[in-house]
Amino acid sequence: MNWRHPARFAGPSNTAVALWAVAVAFFGVGDLVTTLIGYSITGVTELSPVVKLLLEEHAVLVLTGLKATVFVGFFAVWKYVSRPYSIGVPLGLALLGVAVTAWNTGIILTAVLA
């Protein structure tokens, strides 16, 4: 029996680490910051009715809690799914984060420059 099987005990790949960093930067921080900035501009509104309702009272707390919950859930899925399929979890969050941050930035620029 080989107790030192490298694939079983290996840490995350460099690609996975980089994708998680992009996911945190854009889905976590970028979306949070651009949503809060956009929400402070008159005429800009949140598309999600649930998030919109929650933002009316405690924007920063609610968004931070939602983001943390999503990250914990997806991290658990990432740990559970076997390689190479698990790379799809941080990849999906990273792509979604870049898209949402870009969308929010476009909305902010449109509102400010109008």
PDB file of N, CA and C in Angstrom:
ATOM      1  N   MET A   1       0.843  -1.171   0.000  1.00  0.00           N
ATOM      2  CA  MET A   1       0.000   0.000   0.000  1.00  0.00           C
ATOM      3  C   MET A   1       0.897   1.246   0.000  1.00  0.00           C
ATOM      4  N   ASN A   2       0.575   2.213  -0.812  1.00  0.00           N
ATOM      5  CA  ASN A   2       1.367   3.434  -0.921  1.00  0.00           C
ATOM      6  C   ASN A   2       0.679   4.557  -0.149  1.00  0.00           C
ATOM      7  N   TRP A   3       1.226   4.916   1.002  1.00  0.00           N
ATOM      8  CA  TRP A   3       0.618   5.947   1.853  1.00  0.00           C
ATOM      9  C   TRP A   3       0.951   7.354   1.391  1.00  0.00           C
ATOM     10  N   ARG A   4       1.845   7.484   0.442  1.00  0.00           N
ATOM     11  CA  ARG A   4       2.265   8.796  -0.023  1.00  0.00           C
ATOM     12  C   ARG A   4       1.817   9.053  -1.457  1.00  0.00           C
ATOM     13  N   HIS A   5       0.623   8.703  -1.763  1.00  0.00           N
ATOM     14  CA  HIS A   5       0.094   8.920  -3.107  1.00  0.00           C
ATOM     15  C   HIS A   5       0.002  10.425  -3.355  1.00  0.00           C
ATOM     16  N   PRO A   6       0.814  10.983  -4.271  1.00  0.00           N
ATOM     17  CA  PRO A   6       0.900  12.442  -4.440  1.00  0.00           C
ATOM     18  C   PRO A   6      -0.390  13.101  -4.898  1.00  0.00           C
ATOM     19  N   ALA A   7      -1.184  12.444  -5.731  1.00  0.00           N
ATOM     20  CA  ALA A   7      -2.413  13.075  -6.234  1.00  0.00           C
ATOM     21  C   ALA A   7      -3.450  13.236  -5.126  1.00  0.00           C
ATOM     22  N   ARG A   8      -3.453  12.323  -4.188  1.00  0.00           N
ATOM     23  CA  ARG A   8      -4.454  12.373  -3.123  1.00  0.00           C
ATOM     24  C   ARG A   8      -4.185  13.495  -2.121  1.00  0.00           C
ATOM     25  N   PHE A   9      -2.927  13.778  -1.843  1.00  0.00           N
ATOM     26  CA  PHE A   9      -2.585  14.746  -0.823  1.00  0.00           C
ATOM     27  C   PHE A   9      -2.017  16.046  -1.384  1.00  0.00           C
ATOM     28  N   ALA A  10      -1.996  16.164  -2.693  1.00  0.00           N
ATOM     29  CA  ALA A  10      -1.461  17.373  -3.311  1.00  0.00           C
ATOM     30  C   ALA A  10      -2.389  18.552  -3.030  1.00  0.00           C
ATOM     31  N   GLY A  11      -1.798  19.717  -2.880  1.00  0.00           N
ATOM     32  CA  GLY A  11      -2.587  20.925  -2.681  1.00  0.00           C
ATOM     33  C   GLY A  11      -3.203  21.380  -3.987  1.00  0.00           C
ATOM     34  N   PRO A  12      -3.881  22.500  -3.959  1.00  0.00           N
ATOM     35  CA  PRO A  12      -4.513  23.000  -5.183  1.00  0.00           C
ATOM     36  C   PRO A  12      -3.464  23.393  -6.221  1.00  0.00           C
ATOM     37  N   SER A  13      -3.843  23.279  -7.481  1.00  0.00           N
ATOM     38  CA  SER A  13      -2.933  23.648  -8.556  1.00  0.00           C
ATOM     39  C   SER A  13      -2.762  25.161  -8.601  1.00  0.00           C
ATOM     40  N   ASN A  14      -1.727  25.605  -9.272  1.00  0.00           N
ATOM     41  CA  ASN A  14      -1.510  27.041  -9.450  1.00  0.00           C
ATOM     42  C   ASN A  14      -2.685  27.681 -10.185  1.00  0.00           C
ATOM     43  N   THR A  15      -3.251  26.944 -11.134  1.00  0.00           N
ATOM     44  CA  THR A  15      -4.408  27.446 -11.880  1.00  0.00           C
ATOM     45  C   THR A  15      -5.595  27.650 -10.950  1.00  0.00           C
ATOM     46  N   ALA A  16      -5.847  26.696 -10.080  1.00  0.00           N
ATOM     47  CA  ALA A  16      -6.966  26.819  -9.135  1.00  0.00           C
ATOM     48  C   ALA A  16      -6.755  28.001  -8.199  1.00  0.00           C
ATOM     49  N   VAL A  17      -5.545  28.170  -7.704  1.00  0.00           N
ATOM     50  CA  VAL A  17      -5.243  29.291  -6.808  1.00  0.00           C
ATOM     51  C   VAL A  17      -5.469  30.616  -7.536  1.00  0.00           C
ATOM     52  N   ALA A  18      -4.996  30.706  -8.780  1.00  0.00           N
ATOM     53  CA  ALA A  18      -5.172  31.932  -9.562  1.00  0.00           C
ATOM     54  C   ALA A  18      -6.648  32.205  -9.826  1.00  0.00           C
ATOM     55  N   LEU A  19      -7.413  31.171 -10.151  1.00  0.00           N
ATOM     56  CA  LEU A  19      -8.847  31.368 -10.410  1.00  0.00           C
ATOM     57  C   LEU A  19      -9.600  31.772  -9.146  1.00  0.00           C
ATOM     58  N   TRP A  20      -9.246  31.194  -8.008  1.00  0.00           N
ATOM     59  CA  TRP A  20      -9.873  31.603  -6.746  1.00  0.00           C
ATOM     60  C   TRP A  20      -9.537  33.061  -6.444  1.00  0.00           C
ATOM     61  N   ALA A  21      -8.310  33.483  -6.746  1.00  0.00           N
ATOM     62  CA  ALA A  21      -7.925  34.881  -6.523  1.00  0.00           C
ATOM     63  C   ALA A  21      -8.751  35.814  -7.406  1.00  0.00           C
ATOM     64  N   VAL A  22      -8.937  35.440  -8.662  1.00  0.00           N
ATOM     65  CA  VAL A  22      -9.761  36.254  -9.572  1.00  0.00           C
ATOM     66  C   VAL A  22     -11.216  36.259  -9.093  1.00  0.00           C
ATOM     67  N   ALA A  23     -11.712  35.109  -8.643  1.00  0.00           N
ATOM     68  CA  ALA A  23     -13.087  35.027  -8.139  1.00  0.00           C
ATOM     69  C   ALA A  23     -13.286  35.938  -6.929  1.00  0.00           C
ATOM     70  N   VAL A  24     -12.341  35.919  -6.002  1.00  0.00           N
ATOM     71  CA  VAL A  24     -12.439  36.784  -4.816  1.00  0.00           C
ATOM     72  C   VAL A  24     -12.347  38.255  -5.230  1.00  0.00           C
ATOM     73  N   ALA A  25     -11.416  38.559  -6.133  1.00  0.00           N
ATOM     74  CA  ALA A  25     -11.223  39.953  -6.557  1.00  0.00           C
ATOM     75  C   ALA A  25     -12.447  40.513  -7.271  1.00  0.00           C
ATOM     76  N   PHE A  26     -13.038  39.732  -8.161  1.00  0.00           N
ATOM     77  CA  PHE A  26     -14.132  40.267  -8.970  1.00  0.00           C
ATOM     78  C   PHE A  26     -15.518  39.910  -8.427  1.00  0.00           C
ATOM     79  N   PHE A  27     -15.772  38.628  -8.135  1.00  0.00           N
ATOM     80  CA  PHE A  27     -17.092  38.256  -7.623  1.00  0.00           C
ATOM     81  C   PHE A  27     -17.270  38.744  -6.196  1.00  0.00           C
ATOM     82  N   GLY A  28     -16.211  38.650  -5.405  1.00  0.00           N
ATOM     83  CA  GLY A  28     -16.291  39.088  -4.015  1.00  0.00           C
ATOM     84  C   GLY A  28     -16.190  40.587  -3.873  1.00  0.00           C
ATOM     85  N   VAL A  29     -15.032  41.145  -4.188  1.00  0.00           N
ATOM     86  CA  VAL A  29     -14.770  42.567  -3.941  1.00  0.00           C
ATOM     87  C   VAL A  29     -15.346  43.459  -5.038  1.00  0.00           C
ATOM     88  N   GLY A  30     -15.057  43.145  -6.304  1.00  0.00           N
ATOM     89  CA  GLY A  30     -15.499  43.999  -7.411  1.00  0.00           C
ATOM     90  C   GLY A  30     -17.004  44.174  -7.465  1.00  0.00           C
ATOM     91  N   ASP A  31     -17.735  43.077  -7.373  1.00  0.00           N
ATOM     92  CA  ASP A  31     -19.197  43.157  -7.408  1.00  0.00           C
ATOM     93  C   ASP A  31     -19.731  43.895  -6.185  1.00  0.00           C
ATOM     94  N   LEU A  32     -19.163  43.624  -5.028  1.00  0.00           N
ATOM     95  CA  LEU A  32     -19.600  44.290  -3.798  1.00  0.00           C
ATOM     96  C   LEU A  32     -19.397  45.803  -3.898  1.00  0.00           C
ATOM     97  N   VAL A  33     -18.204  46.224  -4.288  1.00  0.00           N
ATOM     98  CA  VAL A  33     -17.889  47.654  -4.363  1.00  0.00           C
ATOM     99  C   VAL A  33     -18.732  48.349  -5.422  1.00  0.00           C
ATOM    100  N   THR A  34     -18.818  47.763  -6.618  1.00  0.00           N
ATOM    101  CA  THR A  34     -19.592  48.425  -7.674  1.00  0.00           C
ATOM    102  C   THR A  34     -21.090  48.440  -7.364  1.00  0.00           C
ATOM    103  N   THR A  35     -21.585  47.413  -6.685  1.00  0.00           N
ATOM    104  CA  THR A  35     -22.997  47.414  -6.278  1.00  0.00           C
ATOM    105  C   THR A  35     -23.257  48.526  -5.267  1.00  0.00           C
ATOM    106  N   LEU A  36     -22.388  48.664  -4.289  1.00  0.00           N
ATOM    107  CA  LEU A  36     -22.568  49.713  -3.274  1.00  0.00           C
ATOM    108  C   LEU A  36     -22.447  51.105  -3.888  1.00  0.00           C
ATOM    109  N   ILE A  37     -21.496  51.292  -4.800  1.00  0.00           N
ATOM    110  CA  ILE A  37     -21.372  52.591  -5.475  1.00  0.00           C
ATOM    111  C   ILE A  37     -22.610  52.859  -6.315  1.00  0.00           C
ATOM    112  N   GLY A  38     -23.010  51.886  -7.096  1.00  0.00           N
ATOM    113  CA  GLY A  38     -24.196  52.057  -7.943  1.00  0.00           C
ATOM    114  C   GLY A  38     -25.444  52.322  -7.132  1.00  0.00           C
ATOM    115  N   TYR A  39     -25.571  51.628  -6.021  1.00  0.00           N
ATOM    116  CA  TYR A  39     -26.755  51.791  -5.178  1.00  0.00           C
ATOM    117  C   TYR A  39     -26.842  53.199  -4.586  1.00  0.00           C
ATOM    118  N   SER A  40     -25.699  53.870  -4.470  1.00  0.00           N
ATOM    119  CA  SER A  40     -25.695  55.222  -3.911  1.00  0.00           C
ATOM    120  C   SER A  40     -26.008  56.302  -4.946  1.00  0.00           C
ATOM    121  N   ILE A  41     -26.108  55.929  -6.212  1.00  0.00           N
ATOM    122  CA  ILE A  41     -26.383  56.888  -7.291  1.00  0.00           C
ATOM    123  C   ILE A  41     -27.883  56.927  -7.550  1.00  0.00           C
ATOM    124  N   THR A  42     -28.446  58.120  -7.542  1.00  0.00           N
ATOM    125  CA  THR A  42     -29.875  58.289  -7.799  1.00  0.00           C
ATOM    126  C   THR A  42     -30.219  57.765  -9.187  1.00  0.00           C
ATOM    127  N   GLY A  43     -31.259  56.961  -9.252  1.00  0.00           N
ATOM    128  CA  GLY A  43     -31.710  56.415 -10.522  1.00  0.00           C
ATOM    129  C   GLY A  43     -31.161  55.041 -10.833  1.00  0.00           C
ATOM    130  N   VAL A  44     -30.149  54.596 -10.099  1.00  0.00           N
ATOM    131  CA  VAL A  44     -29.592  53.251 -10.299  1.00  0.00           C
ATOM    132  C   VAL A  44     -30.261  52.329  -9.299  1.00  0.00           C
ATOM    133  N   THR A  45     -30.721  51.184  -9.762  1.00  0.00           N
ATOM    134  CA  THR A  45     -31.435  50.260  -8.893  1.00  0.00           C
ATOM    135  C   THR A  45     -30.893  48.842  -9.052  1.00  0.00           C
ATOM    136  N   GLU A  46     -31.094  48.030  -8.064  1.00  0.00           N
ATOM    137  CA  GLU A  46     -30.667  46.623  -8.083  1.00  0.00           C
ATOM    138  C   GLU A  46     -31.692  45.818  -8.874  1.00  0.00           C
ATOM    139  N   LEU A  47     -31.208  44.909  -9.735  1.00  0.00           N
ATOM    140  CA  LEU A  47     -32.104  44.092 -10.551  1.00  0.00           C
ATOM    141  C   LEU A  47     -32.754  42.964  -9.754  1.00  0.00           C
ATOM    142  N   SER A  48     -32.019  42.364  -8.838  1.00  0.00           N
ATOM    143  CA  SER A  48     -32.555  41.248  -8.058  1.00  0.00           C
ATOM    144  C   SER A  48     -33.524  41.774  -7.002  1.00  0.00           C
ATOM    145  N   PRO A  49     -34.797  41.348  -7.043  1.00  0.00           N
ATOM    146  CA  PRO A  49     -35.774  41.854  -6.069  1.00  0.00           C
ATOM    147  C   PRO A  49     -35.433  41.483  -4.628  1.00  0.00           C
ATOM    148  N   VAL A  50     -34.847  40.311  -4.423  1.00  0.00           N
ATOM    149  CA  VAL A  50     -34.487  39.886  -3.068  1.00  0.00           C
ATOM    150  C   VAL A  50     -33.356  40.764  -2.535  1.00  0.00           C
ATOM    151  N   VAL A  51     -32.297  40.928  -3.333  1.00  0.00           N
ATOM    152  CA  VAL A  51     -31.166  41.758  -2.913  1.00  0.00           C
ATOM    153  C   VAL A  51     -31.623  43.201  -2.742  1.00  0.00           C
ATOM    154  N   LYS A  52     -32.478  43.677  -3.638  1.00  0.00           N
ATOM    155  CA  LYS A  52     -32.980  45.053  -3.547  1.00  0.00           C
ATOM    156  C   LYS A  52     -33.704  45.285  -2.220  1.00  0.00           C
ATOM    157  N   LEU A  53     -34.537  44.356  -1.816  1.00  0.00           N
ATOM    158  CA  LEU A  53     -35.255  44.471  -0.553  1.00  0.00           C
ATOM    159  C   LEU A  53     -34.281  44.484   0.628  1.00  0.00           C
ATOM    160  N   LEU A  54     -33.307  43.607   0.605  1.00  0.00           N
ATOM    161  CA  LEU A  54     -32.338  43.532   1.695  1.00  0.00           C
ATOM    162  C   LEU A  54     -31.422  44.746   1.744  1.00  0.00           C
ATOM    163  N   LEU A  55     -31.098  45.317   0.581  1.00  0.00           N
ATOM    164  CA  LEU A  55     -30.208  46.473   0.528  1.00  0.00           C
ATOM    165  C   LEU A  55     -30.816  47.714   1.172  1.00  0.00           C
ATOM    166  N   GLU A  56     -32.108  47.796   1.189  1.00  0.00           N
ATOM    167  CA  GLU A  56     -32.769  48.984   1.724  1.00  0.00           C
ATOM    168  C   GLU A  56     -32.437  49.214   3.200  1.00  0.00           C
ATOM    169  N   GLU A  57     -32.112  48.165   3.920  1.00  0.00           N
ATOM    170  CA  GLU A  57     -31.845  48.299   5.346  1.00  0.00           C
ATOM    171  C   GLU A  57     -30.360  48.277   5.709  1.00  0.00           C
ATOM    172  N   HIS A  58     -29.667  47.260   5.262  1.00  0.00           N
ATOM    173  CA  HIS A  58     -28.284  47.038   5.699  1.00  0.00           C
ATOM    174  C   HIS A  58     -27.424  46.583   4.528  1.00  0.00           C
ATOM    175  N   ALA A  59     -27.132  47.471   3.602  1.00  0.00           N
ATOM    176  CA  ALA A  59     -26.483  47.113   2.346  1.00  0.00           C
ATOM    177  C   ALA A  59     -25.154  46.383   2.531  1.00  0.00           C
ATOM    178  N   VAL A  60     -24.238  46.957   3.250  1.00  0.00           N
ATOM    179  CA  VAL A  60     -22.905  46.362   3.378  1.00  0.00           C
ATOM    180  C   VAL A  60     -22.970  45.022   4.100  1.00  0.00           C
ATOM    181  N   LEU A  61     -23.686  44.968   5.195  1.00  0.00           N
ATOM    182  CA  LEU A  61     -23.791  43.736   5.971  1.00  0.00           C
ATOM    183  C   LEU A  61     -24.443  42.622   5.153  1.00  0.00           C
ATOM    184  N   VAL A  62     -25.533  42.957   4.476  1.00  0.00           N
ATOM    185  CA  VAL A  62     -26.265  41.958   3.691  1.00  0.00           C
ATOM    186  C   VAL A  62     -25.411  41.434   2.547  1.00  0.00           C
ATOM    187  N   LEU A  63     -24.817  42.333   1.787  1.00  0.00           N
ATOM    188  CA  LEU A  63     -24.010  41.896   0.645  1.00  0.00           C
ATOM    189  C   LEU A  63     -22.790  41.097   1.079  1.00  0.00           C
ATOM    190  N   THR A  64     -22.145  41.514   2.145  1.00  0.00           N
ATOM    191  CA  THR A  64     -20.983  40.783   2.643  1.00  0.00           C
ATOM    192  C   THR A  64     -21.392  39.389   3.110  1.00  0.00           C
ATOM    193  N   GLY A  65     -22.494  39.301   3.804  1.00  0.00           N
ATOM    194  CA  GLY A  65     -22.998  37.999   4.253  1.00  0.00           C
ATOM    195  C   GLY A  65     -23.373  37.087   3.098  1.00  0.00           C
ATOM    196  N   LEU A  66     -24.044  37.653   2.094  1.00  0.00           N
ATOM    197  CA  LEU A  66     -24.402  36.857   0.918  1.00  0.00           C
ATOM    198  C   LEU A  66     -23.162  36.356   0.190  1.00  0.00           C
ATOM    199  N   LYS A  67     -22.199  37.229   0.001  1.00  0.00           N
ATOM    200  CA  LYS A  67     -20.964  36.842  -0.686  1.00  0.00           C
ATOM    201  C   LYS A  67     -20.232  35.750   0.104  1.00  0.00           C
ATOM    202  N   ALA A  68     -20.132  35.915   1.409  1.00  0.00           N
ATOM    203  CA  ALA A  68     -19.442  34.924   2.236  1.00  0.00           C
ATOM    204  C   ALA A  68     -20.146  33.566   2.150  1.00  0.00           C
ATOM    205  N   THR A  69     -21.465  33.573   2.199  1.00  0.00           N
ATOM    206  CA  THR A  69     -22.234  32.334   2.113  1.00  0.00           C
ATOM    207  C   THR A  69     -22.011  31.646   0.770  1.00  0.00           C
ATOM    208  N   VAL A  70     -22.035  32.415  -0.305  1.00  0.00           N
ATOM    209  CA  VAL A  70     -21.805  31.857  -1.637  1.00  0.00           C
ATOM    210  C   VAL A  70     -20.403  31.262  -1.730  1.00  0.00           C
ATOM    211  N   PHE A  71     -19.400  31.981  -1.236  1.00  0.00           N
ATOM    212  CA  PHE A  71     -18.036  31.469  -1.302  1.00  0.00           C
ATOM    213  C   PHE A  71     -17.868  30.199  -0.485  1.00  0.00           C
ATOM    214  N   VAL A  72     -18.432  30.143   0.695  1.00  0.00           N
ATOM    215  CA  VAL A  72     -18.324  28.933   1.521  1.00  0.00           C
ATOM    216  C   VAL A  72     -18.987  27.753   0.814  1.00  0.00           C
ATOM    217  N   GLY A  73     -20.162  27.982   0.255  1.00  0.00           N
ATOM    218  CA  GLY A  73     -20.862  26.916  -0.459  1.00  0.00           C
ATOM    219  C   GLY A  73     -20.096  26.412  -1.665  1.00  0.00           C
ATOM    220  N   PHE A  74     -19.611  27.323  -2.487  1.00  0.00           N
ATOM    221  CA  PHE A  74     -18.878  26.913  -3.677  1.00  0.00           C
ATOM    222  C   PHE A  74     -17.515  26.316  -3.330  1.00  0.00           C
ATOM    223  N   PHE A  75     -16.892  26.780  -2.261  1.00  0.00           N
ATOM    224  CA  PHE A  75     -15.634  26.179  -1.832  1.00  0.00           C
ATOM    225  C   PHE A  75     -15.870  24.734  -1.410  1.00  0.00           C
ATOM    226  N   ALA A  76     -16.969  24.476  -0.723  1.00  0.00           N
ATOM    227  CA  ALA A  76     -17.298  23.107  -0.318  1.00  0.00           C
ATOM    228  C   ALA A  76     -17.528  22.224  -1.547  1.00  0.00           C
ATOM    229  N   VAL A  77     -18.218  22.752  -2.531  1.00  0.00           N
ATOM    230  CA  VAL A  77     -18.425  21.992  -3.771  1.00  0.00           C
ATOM    231  C   VAL A  77     -17.079  21.711  -4.432  1.00  0.00           C
ATOM    232  N   TRP A  78     -16.216  22.723  -4.493  1.00  0.00           N
ATOM    233  CA  TRP A  78     -14.896  22.576  -5.099  1.00  0.00           C
ATOM    234  C   TRP A  78     -14.086  21.479  -4.404  1.00  0.00           C
ATOM    235  N   LYS A  79     -14.146  21.437  -3.070  1.00  0.00           N
ATOM    236  CA  LYS A  79     -13.413  20.415  -2.316  1.00  0.00           C
ATOM    237  C   LYS A  79     -14.000  19.015  -2.541  1.00  0.00           C
ATOM    238  N   TYR A  80     -15.305  18.944  -2.775  1.00  0.00           N
ATOM    239  CA  TYR A  80     -15.986  17.658  -2.918  1.00  0.00           C
ATOM    240  C   TYR A  80     -15.813  17.058  -4.315  1.00  0.00           C
ATOM    241  N   VAL A  81     -15.843  17.902  -5.345  1.00  0.00           N
ATOM    242  CA  VAL A  81     -15.771  17.434  -6.729  1.00  0.00           C
ATOM    243  C   VAL A  81     -14.331  17.031  -7.049  1.00  0.00           C
ATOM    244  N   SER A  82     -14.200  15.937  -7.770  1.00  0.00           N
ATOM    245  CA  SER A  82     -12.856  15.458  -8.098  1.00  0.00           C
ATOM    246  C   SER A  82     -12.230  16.273  -9.235  1.00  0.00           C
ATOM    247  N   ARG A  83     -10.901  16.243  -9.251  1.00  0.00           N
ATOM    248  CA  ARG A  83     -10.158  16.885 -10.337  1.00  0.00           C
ATOM    249  C   ARG A  83     -10.360  16.069 -11.597  1.00  0.00           C
ATOM    250  N   PRO A  84     -10.343  16.575 -12.741  1.00  0.00           N
ATOM    251  CA  PRO A  84     -10.109  17.961 -13.144  1.00  0.00           C
ATOM    252  C   PRO A  84     -11.389  18.793 -13.160  1.00  0.00           C
ATOM    253  N   TYR A  85     -12.514  18.185 -12.812  1.00  0.00           N
ATOM    254  CA  TYR A  85     -13.799  18.879 -12.910  1.00  0.00           C
ATOM    255  C   TYR A  85     -13.946  20.007 -11.892  1.00  0.00           C
ATOM    256  N   SER A  86     -13.262  19.904 -10.777  1.00  0.00           N
ATOM    257  CA  SER A  86     -13.392  20.907  -9.724  1.00  0.00           C
ATOM    258  C   SER A  86     -12.923  22.290 -10.169  1.00  0.00           C
ATOM    259  N   ILE A  87     -12.076  22.360 -11.175  1.00  0.00           N
ATOM    260  CA  ILE A  87     -11.579  23.656 -11.647  1.00  0.00           C
ATOM    261  C   ILE A  87     -12.723  24.522 -12.180  1.00  0.00           C
ATOM    262  N   GLY A  88     -13.827  23.899 -12.547  1.00  0.00           N
ATOM    263  CA  GLY A  88     -14.983  24.642 -13.043  1.00  0.00           C
ATOM    264  C   GLY A  88     -15.619  25.545 -12.001  1.00  0.00           C
ATOM    265  N   VAL A  89     -15.450  25.210 -10.732  1.00  0.00           N
ATOM    266  CA  VAL A  89     -16.061  26.018  -9.666  1.00  0.00           C
ATOM    267  C   VAL A  89     -15.419  27.404  -9.585  1.00  0.00           C
ATOM    268  N   PRO A  90     -14.101  27.510  -9.365  1.00  0.00           N
ATOM    269  CA  PRO A  90     -13.529  28.857  -9.332  1.00  0.00           C
ATOM    270  C   PRO A  90     -13.562  29.540 -10.694  1.00  0.00           C
ATOM    271  N   LEU A  91     -13.499  28.751 -11.769  1.00  0.00           N
ATOM    272  CA  LEU A  91     -13.587  29.337 -13.109  1.00  0.00           C
ATOM    273  C   LEU A  91     -14.941  30.010 -13.311  1.00  0.00           C
ATOM    274  N   GLY A  92     -16.006  29.333 -12.924  1.00  0.00           N
ATOM    275  CA  GLY A  92     -17.346  29.905 -13.058  1.00  0.00           C
ATOM    276  C   GLY A  92     -17.522  31.158 -12.225  1.00  0.00           C
ATOM    277  N   LEU A  93     -17.060  31.134 -10.977  1.00  0.00           N
ATOM    278  CA  LEU A  93     -17.163  32.321 -10.122  1.00  0.00           C
ATOM    279  C   LEU A  93     -16.322  33.471 -10.665  1.00  0.00           C
ATOM    280  N   ALA A  94     -15.143  33.150 -11.192  1.00  0.00           N
ATOM    281  CA  ALA A  94     -14.277  34.188 -11.745  1.00  0.00           C
ATOM    282  C   ALA A  94     -14.926  34.829 -12.968  1.00  0.00           C
ATOM    283  N   LEU A  95     -15.447  34.017 -13.880  1.00  0.00           N
ATOM    284  CA  LEU A  95     -16.103  34.555 -15.077  1.00  0.00           C
ATOM    285  C   LEU A  95     -17.344  35.375 -14.712  1.00  0.00           C
ATOM    286  N   LEU A  96     -18.145  34.859 -13.804  1.00  0.00           N
ATOM    287  CA  LEU A  96     -19.329  35.591 -13.368  1.00  0.00           C
ATOM    288  C   LEU A  96     -18.937  36.902 -12.700  1.00  0.00           C
ATOM    289  N   GLY A  97     -17.910  36.860 -11.866  1.00  0.00           N
ATOM    290  CA  GLY A  97     -17.451  38.059 -11.174  1.00  0.00           C
ATOM    291  C   GLY A  97     -16.968  39.135 -12.133  1.00  0.00           C
ATOM    292  N   VAL A  98     -16.180  38.738 -13.131  1.00  0.00           N
ATOM    293  CA  VAL A  98     -15.702  39.702 -14.127  1.00  0.00           C
ATOM    294  C   VAL A  98     -16.883  40.289 -14.892  1.00  0.00           C
ATOM    295  N   ALA A  99     -17.824  39.441 -15.303  1.00  0.00           N
ATOM    296  CA  ALA A  99     -18.985  39.916 -16.064  1.00  0.00           C
ATOM    297  C   ALA A  99     -19.851  40.877 -15.242  1.00  0.00           C
ATOM    298  N   VAL A 100     -20.142  40.518 -14.000  1.00  0.00           N
ATOM    299  CA  VAL A 100     -21.008  41.358 -13.156  1.00  0.00           C
ATOM    300  C   VAL A 100     -20.316  42.670 -12.793  1.00  0.00           C
ATOM    301  N   THR A 101     -19.029  42.604 -12.495  1.00  0.00           N
ATOM    302  CA  THR A 101     -18.290  43.829 -12.181  1.00  0.00           C
ATOM    303  C   THR A 101     -18.240  44.748 -13.392  1.00  0.00           C
ATOM    304  N   ALA A 102     -18.025  44.185 -14.572  1.00  0.00           N
ATOM    305  CA  ALA A 102     -18.022  44.994 -15.805  1.00  0.00           C
ATOM    306  C   ALA A 102     -19.408  45.592 -16.052  1.00  0.00           C
ATOM    307  N   TRP A 103     -20.452  44.803 -15.862  1.00  0.00           N
ATOM    308  CA  TRP A 103     -21.833  45.290 -16.042  1.00  0.00           C
ATOM    309  C   TRP A 103     -22.119  46.441 -15.078  1.00  0.00           C
ATOM    310  N   ASN A 104     -21.808  46.238 -13.812  1.00  0.00           N
ATOM    311  CA  ASN A 104     -22.044  47.279 -12.811  1.00  0.00           C
ATOM    312  C   ASN A 104     -21.255  48.548 -13.128  1.00  0.00           C
ATOM    313  N   THR A 105     -20.007  48.375 -13.549  1.00  0.00           N
ATOM    314  CA  THR A 105     -19.184  49.525 -13.905  1.00  0.00           C
ATOM    315  C   THR A 105     -19.801  50.281 -15.074  1.00  0.00           C
ATOM    316  N   GLY A 106     -20.307  49.561 -16.056  1.00  0.00           N
ATOM    317  CA  GLY A 106     -20.985  50.201 -17.187  1.00  0.00           C
ATOM    318  C   GLY A 106     -22.216  50.976 -16.752  1.00  0.00           C
ATOM    319  N   ILE A 107     -22.993  50.414 -15.849  1.00  0.00           N
ATOM    320  CA  ILE A 107     -24.190  51.093 -15.327  1.00  0.00           C
ATOM    321  C   ILE A 107     -23.788  52.364 -14.588  1.00  0.00           C
ATOM    322  N   ILE A 108     -22.752  52.257 -13.766  1.00  0.00           N
ATOM    323  CA  ILE A 108     -22.279  53.429 -13.012  1.00  0.00           C
ATOM    324  C   ILE A 108     -21.812  54.525 -13.954  1.00  0.00           C
ATOM    325  N   LEU A 109     -20.987  54.174 -14.934  1.00  0.00           N
ATOM    326  CA  LEU A 109     -20.488  55.161 -15.881  1.00  0.00           C
ATOM    327  C   LEU A 109     -21.608  55.806 -16.678  1.00  0.00           C
ATOM    328  N   THR A 110     -22.578  55.020 -17.096  1.00  0.00           N
ATOM    329  CA  THR A 110     -23.730  55.549 -17.824  1.00  0.00           C
ATOM    330  C   THR A 110     -24.493  56.544 -16.973  1.00  0.00           C
ATOM    331  N   ALA A 111     -24.710  56.207 -15.688  1.00  0.00           N
ATOM    332  CA  ALA A 111     -25.461  57.089 -14.800  1.00  0.00           C
ATOM    333  C   ALA A 111     -24.698  58.372 -14.505  1.00  0.00           C
ATOM    334  N   VAL A 112     -23.395  58.241 -14.309  1.00  0.00           N
ATOM    335  CA  VAL A 112     -22.585  59.409 -13.950  1.00  0.00           C
ATOM    336  C   VAL A 112     -22.384  60.337 -15.156  1.00  0.00           C
ATOM    337  N   LEU A 113     -22.196  59.764 -16.323  1.00  0.00           N
ATOM    338  CA  LEU A 113     -21.936  60.558 -17.511  1.00  0.00           C
ATOM    339  C   LEU A 113     -23.192  61.064 -18.206  1.00  0.00           C
ATOM    340  N   ALA A 114     -24.351  60.620 -17.756  1.00  0.00           N
ATOM    341  CA  ALA A 114     -25.617  61.040 -18.395  1.00  0.00           C
ATOM    342  C   ALA A 114     -26.013  62.444 -18.008  1.00  0.00           C
TER     343      ALA A 114
END
